[in-house]
Amino acid sequence: EDLTCFRDCRPGAPHHYLVVPVEHMGNCKTLEKEHIPLVKRMMEVGKAVLQRNNFSDLNDVRMGFHWPPFCSISHLHLHVLAPASQLGFLSRLFYRINSYWFIT
Protein backbone atom coordinates (compact mmCIF):
# COMPACT_ATOMS: atom_id res chain seq x y z
CA GLU A 1 0.00 0.00 0.00
CA ASP A 2 2.84 2.39 0.68
CA LEU A 3 4.96 1.39 -2.35
CA THR A 4 4.35 1.20 -6.07
CA CYS A 5 6.38 -0.46 -8.80
CA PHE A 6 6.46 0.09 -12.55
CA ARG A 7 8.72 -0.50 -15.55
CA ASP A 8 11.38 2.11 -16.28
CA CYS A 9 10.52 4.07 -19.45
CA ARG A 10 14.17 3.75 -20.59
CA PRO A 11 15.11 0.21 -19.51
CA GLY A 12 18.75 -0.61 -18.94
CA ALA A 13 18.08 -4.36 -18.76
CA PRO A 14 15.42 -6.83 -19.94
CA HIS A 15 13.76 -6.37 -16.53
CA HIS A 16 14.07 -2.79 -15.24
CA TYR A 17 11.63 -1.64 -12.59
CA LEU A 18 11.38 1.33 -10.28
CA VAL A 19 10.09 0.83 -6.75
CA VAL A 20 8.74 4.11 -5.40
CA PRO A 21 7.19 5.14 -2.06
CA VAL A 22 3.65 6.47 -2.57
CA GLU A 23 4.28 9.21 -0.01
CA HIS A 24 6.72 11.78 -1.36
CA MET A 25 10.29 11.41 -0.16
CA GLY A 26 13.28 13.30 -1.43
CA ASN A 27 16.17 11.54 -3.11
CA CYS A 28 18.45 8.97 -1.48
CA LYS A 29 20.43 11.73 0.27
CA THR A 30 17.42 12.28 2.54
CA LEU A 31 17.50 8.70 3.88
CA GLU A 32 18.16 8.28 7.60
CA LYS A 33 18.62 5.23 9.83
CA GLU A 34 14.87 5.07 10.46
CA HIS A 35 14.35 4.50 6.72
CA ILE A 36 16.19 1.15 6.73
CA PRO A 37 12.91 -0.86 7.00
CA LEU A 38 11.49 1.12 4.05
CA VAL A 39 14.53 0.42 1.87
CA LYS A 40 14.39 -3.28 2.82
CA ARG A 41 10.69 -3.40 1.84
CA MET A 42 11.51 -1.65 -1.45
CA MET A 43 14.07 -4.38 -2.17
CA GLU A 44 11.60 -7.12 -1.24
CA VAL A 45 8.99 -5.63 -3.58
CA GLY A 46 11.58 -5.46 -6.36
CA LYS A 47 12.46 -9.14 -5.90
CA ALA A 48 8.79 -10.12 -5.78
CA VAL A 49 8.04 -8.24 -9.00
CA LEU A 50 10.96 -9.98 -10.72
CA GLN A 51 9.68 -13.37 -9.59
CA ARG A 52 6.13 -12.53 -10.76
CA ASN A 53 7.63 -11.71 -14.15
CA ASN A 54 9.33 -15.12 -14.39
CA PHE A 55 12.82 -14.02 -13.36
CA SER A 56 14.12 -16.28 -10.61
CA ASP A 57 17.93 -15.86 -10.51
CA LEU A 58 18.08 -13.34 -7.69
CA ASN A 59 21.89 -13.57 -7.72
CA ASP A 60 21.87 -11.80 -11.10
CA VAL A 61 20.05 -8.64 -9.98
CA ARG A 62 21.31 -5.11 -9.47
CA MET A 63 19.44 -2.69 -7.20
CA GLY A 64 20.35 0.82 -6.24
CA PHE A 65 19.74 4.55 -6.18
CA HIS A 66 21.23 7.28 -8.35
CA TRP A 67 23.08 9.79 -6.19
CA PRO A 68 22.24 13.46 -6.78
CA PRO A 69 22.82 15.26 -9.05
CA PHE A 70 22.70 12.09 -11.20
CA CYS A 71 18.97 11.44 -10.69
CA SER A 72 16.38 12.95 -12.99
CA ILE A 73 13.60 13.32 -10.40
CA SER A 74 13.71 14.31 -6.74
CA HIS A 75 11.50 11.46 -5.50
CA LEU A 76 13.07 8.38 -3.97
CA HIS A 77 13.09 5.45 -6.40
CA LEU A 78 14.95 2.14 -6.31
CA HIS A 79 16.20 0.78 -9.63
CA VAL A 80 15.77 -3.00 -9.98
CA LEU A 81 17.64 -4.41 -13.00
CA ALA A 82 17.86 -8.01 -14.14
CA PRO A 83 19.65 -9.92 -15.40
CA ALA A 84 22.63 -7.79 -14.39
CA SER A 85 24.83 -10.04 -16.52
CA GLN A 86 23.03 -8.74 -19.63
CA LEU A 87 23.49 -5.02 -18.98
CA GLY A 88 24.77 -3.29 -22.10
CA PHE A 89 27.87 -1.10 -22.15
CA LEU A 90 26.08 2.15 -21.20
CA SER A 91 23.89 0.42 -18.62
CA ARG A 92 26.96 -1.12 -16.98
CA LEU A 93 28.29 2.42 -16.70
CA PHE A 94 25.06 4.10 -15.50
CA TYR A 95 24.31 1.34 -12.97
CA ARG A 96 27.87 0.54 -11.86
CA ILE A 97 28.00 -0.94 -8.36
CA ASN A 98 28.81 1.65 -5.68
CA SER A 99 30.07 4.22 -8.13
CA TYR A 100 30.03 7.93 -7.40
CA TRP A 101 26.60 8.17 -9.05
CA PHE A 102 24.89 4.81 -8.30
CA ILE A 103 24.66 3.53 -4.75
CA THR A 104 23.84 -0.16 -4.28
C-alpha atoms as a PDB file:
ATOM      1  CA  GLU A   1       0.000   0.000   0.000  1.00  0.00           C
ATOM      2  CA  ASP A   2       2.844   2.394   0.681  1.00  0.00           C
ATOM      3  CA  LEU A   3       4.962   1.393  -2.351  1.00  0.00           C
ATOM      4  CA  THR A   4       4.345   1.199  -6.070  1.00  0.00           C
ATOM      5  CA  CYS A   5       6.380  -0.457  -8.802  1.00  0.00           C
ATOM      6  CA  PHE A   6       6.463   0.089 -12.548  1.00  0.00           C
ATOM      7  CA  ARG A   7       8.724  -0.495 -15.555  1.00  0.00           C
ATOM      8  CA  ASP A   8      11.375   2.110 -16.276  1.00  0.00           C
ATOM      9  CA  CYS A   9      10.522   4.072 -19.446  1.00  0.00           C
ATOM     10  CA  ARG A  10      14.173   3.747 -20.588  1.00  0.00           C
ATOM     11  CA  PRO A  11      15.105   0.215 -19.506  1.00  0.00           C
ATOM     12  CA  GLY A  12      18.748  -0.610 -18.942  1.00  0.00           C
ATOM     13  CA  ALA A  13      18.079  -4.363 -18.756  1.00  0.00           C
ATOM     14  CA  PRO A  14      15.419  -6.826 -19.945  1.00  0.00           C
ATOM     15  CA  HIS A  15      13.759  -6.368 -16.527  1.00  0.00           C
ATOM     16  CA  HIS A  16      14.075  -2.792 -15.240  1.00  0.00           C
ATOM     17  CA  TYR A  17      11.627  -1.644 -12.591  1.00  0.00           C
ATOM     18  CA  LEU A  18      11.378   1.334 -10.280  1.00  0.00           C
ATOM     19  CA  VAL A  19      10.086   0.827  -6.747  1.00  0.00           C
ATOM     20  CA  VAL A  20       8.740   4.110  -5.395  1.00  0.00           C
ATOM     21  CA  PRO A  21       7.188   5.143  -2.058  1.00  0.00           C
ATOM     22  CA  VAL A  22       3.652   6.469  -2.568  1.00  0.00           C
ATOM     23  CA  GLU A  23       4.279   9.212  -0.011  1.00  0.00           C
ATOM     24  CA  HIS A  24       6.723  11.781  -1.355  1.00  0.00           C
ATOM     25  CA  MET A  25      10.289  11.409  -0.160  1.00  0.00           C
ATOM     26  CA  GLY A  26      13.278  13.302  -1.433  1.00  0.00           C
ATOM     27  CA  ASN A  27      16.166  11.541  -3.112  1.00  0.00           C
ATOM     28  CA  CYS A  28      18.451   8.972  -1.484  1.00  0.00           C
ATOM     29  CA  LYS A  29      20.429  11.735   0.270  1.00  0.00           C
ATOM     30  CA  THR A  30      17.418  12.279   2.539  1.00  0.00           C
ATOM     31  CA  LEU A  31      17.501   8.704   3.875  1.00  0.00           C
ATOM     32  CA  GLU A  32      18.156   8.283   7.599  1.00  0.00           C
ATOM     33  CA  LYS A  33      18.616   5.226   9.833  1.00  0.00           C
ATOM     34  CA  GLU A  34      14.872   5.068  10.457  1.00  0.00           C
ATOM     35  CA  HIS A  35      14.347   4.502   6.721  1.00  0.00           C
ATOM     36  CA  ILE A  36      16.187   1.154   6.732  1.00  0.00           C
ATOM     37  CA  PRO A  37      12.914  -0.855   7.000  1.00  0.00           C
ATOM     38  CA  LEU A  38      11.487   1.119   4.052  1.00  0.00           C
ATOM     39  CA  VAL A  39      14.528   0.420   1.869  1.00  0.00           C
ATOM     40  CA  LYS A  40      14.387  -3.283   2.823  1.00  0.00           C
ATOM     41  CA  ARG A  41      10.689  -3.399   1.838  1.00  0.00           C
ATOM     42  CA  MET A  42      11.514  -1.654  -1.452  1.00  0.00           C
ATOM     43  CA  MET A  43      14.074  -4.381  -2.173  1.00  0.00           C
ATOM     44  CA  GLU A  44      11.597  -7.120  -1.236  1.00  0.00           C
ATOM     45  CA  VAL A  45       8.993  -5.630  -3.577  1.00  0.00           C
ATOM     46  CA  GLY A  46      11.585  -5.460  -6.363  1.00  0.00           C
ATOM     47  CA  LYS A  47      12.463  -9.135  -5.904  1.00  0.00           C
ATOM     48  CA  ALA A  48       8.786 -10.122  -5.776  1.00  0.00           C
ATOM     49  CA  VAL A  49       8.037  -8.238  -9.004  1.00  0.00           C
ATOM     50  CA  LEU A  50      10.958  -9.975 -10.722  1.00  0.00           C
ATOM     51  CA  GLN A  51       9.675 -13.365  -9.595  1.00  0.00           C
ATOM     52  CA  ARG A  52       6.125 -12.532 -10.757  1.00  0.00           C
ATOM     53  CA  ASN A  53       7.629 -11.712 -14.148  1.00  0.00           C
ATOM     54  CA  ASN A  54       9.333 -15.119 -14.389  1.00  0.00           C
ATOM     55  CA  PHE A  55      12.818 -14.016 -13.360  1.00  0.00           C
ATOM     56  CA  SER A  56      14.125 -16.282 -10.615  1.00  0.00           C
ATOM     57  CA  ASP A  57      17.934 -15.863 -10.505  1.00  0.00           C
ATOM     58  CA  LEU A  58      18.077 -13.341  -7.685  1.00  0.00           C
ATOM     59  CA  ASN A  59      21.891 -13.572  -7.715  1.00  0.00           C
ATOM     60  CA  ASP A  60      21.867 -11.802 -11.104  1.00  0.00           C
ATOM     61  CA  VAL A  61      20.055  -8.639  -9.979  1.00  0.00           C
ATOM     62  CA  ARG A  62      21.311  -5.107  -9.466  1.00  0.00           C
ATOM     63  CA  MET A  63      19.437  -2.691  -7.199  1.00  0.00           C
ATOM     64  CA  GLY A  64      20.348   0.821  -6.241  1.00  0.00           C
ATOM     65  CA  PHE A  65      19.736   4.552  -6.181  1.00  0.00           C
ATOM     66  CA  HIS A  66      21.229   7.279  -8.353  1.00  0.00           C
ATOM     67  CA  TRP A  67      23.081   9.791  -6.188  1.00  0.00           C
ATOM     68  CA  PRO A  68      22.238  13.463  -6.783  1.00  0.00           C
ATOM     69  CA  PRO A  69      22.817  15.259  -9.051  1.00  0.00           C
ATOM     70  CA  PHE A  70      22.698  12.089 -11.198  1.00  0.00           C
ATOM     71  CA  CYS A  71      18.968  11.435 -10.691  1.00  0.00           C
ATOM     72  CA  SER A  72      16.383  12.950 -12.993  1.00  0.00           C
ATOM     73  CA  ILE A  73      13.604  13.320 -10.405  1.00  0.00           C
ATOM     74  CA  SER A  74      13.712  14.306  -6.741  1.00  0.00           C
ATOM     75  CA  HIS A  75      11.499  11.465  -5.501  1.00  0.00           C
ATOM     76  CA  LEU A  76      13.075   8.376  -3.967  1.00  0.00           C
ATOM     77  CA  HIS A  77      13.085   5.446  -6.399  1.00  0.00           C
ATOM     78  CA  LEU A  78      14.951   2.145  -6.309  1.00  0.00           C
ATOM     79  CA  HIS A  79      16.199   0.780  -9.635  1.00  0.00           C
ATOM     80  CA  VAL A  80      15.772  -2.997  -9.984  1.00  0.00           C
ATOM     81  CA  LEU A  81      17.645  -4.405 -12.997  1.00  0.00           C
ATOM     82  CA  ALA A  82      17.862  -8.014 -14.137  1.00  0.00           C
ATOM     83  CA  PRO A  83      19.648  -9.918 -15.396  1.00  0.00           C
ATOM     84  CA  ALA A  84      22.627  -7.793 -14.388  1.00  0.00           C
ATOM     85  CA  SER A  85      24.834 -10.043 -16.523  1.00  0.00           C
ATOM     86  CA  GLN A  86      23.027  -8.741 -19.629  1.00  0.00           C
ATOM     87  CA  LEU A  87      23.493  -5.024 -18.981  1.00  0.00           C
ATOM     88  CA  GLY A  88      24.774  -3.291 -22.100  1.00  0.00           C
ATOM     89  CA  PHE A  89      27.871  -1.097 -22.153  1.00  0.00           C
ATOM     90  CA  LEU A  90      26.083   2.148 -21.199  1.00  0.00           C
ATOM     91  CA  SER A  91      23.889   0.423 -18.620  1.00  0.00           C
ATOM     92  CA  ARG A  92      26.956  -1.117 -16.982  1.00  0.00           C
ATOM     93  CA  LEU A  93      28.289   2.424 -16.697  1.00  0.00           C
ATOM     94  CA  PHE A  94      25.056   4.098 -15.500  1.00  0.00           C
ATOM     95  CA  TYR A  95      24.311   1.342 -12.974  1.00  0.00           C
ATOM     96  CA  ARG A  96      27.875   0.536 -11.864  1.00  0.00           C
ATOM     97  CA  ILE A  97      27.997  -0.938  -8.365  1.00  0.00           C
ATOM     98  CA  ASN A  98      28.808   1.649  -5.679  1.00  0.00           C
ATOM     99  CA  SER A  99      30.074   4.217  -8.134  1.00  0.00           C
ATOM    100  CA  TYR A 100      30.027   7.929  -7.398  1.00  0.00           C
ATOM    101  CA  TRP A 101      26.596   8.165  -9.051  1.00  0.00           C
ATOM    102  CA  PHE A 102      24.885   4.812  -8.299  1.00  0.00           C
ATOM    103  CA  ILE A 103      24.658   3.527  -4.746  1.00  0.00           C
ATOM    104  CA  THR A 104      23.842  -0.159  -4.278  1.00  0.00           C
END
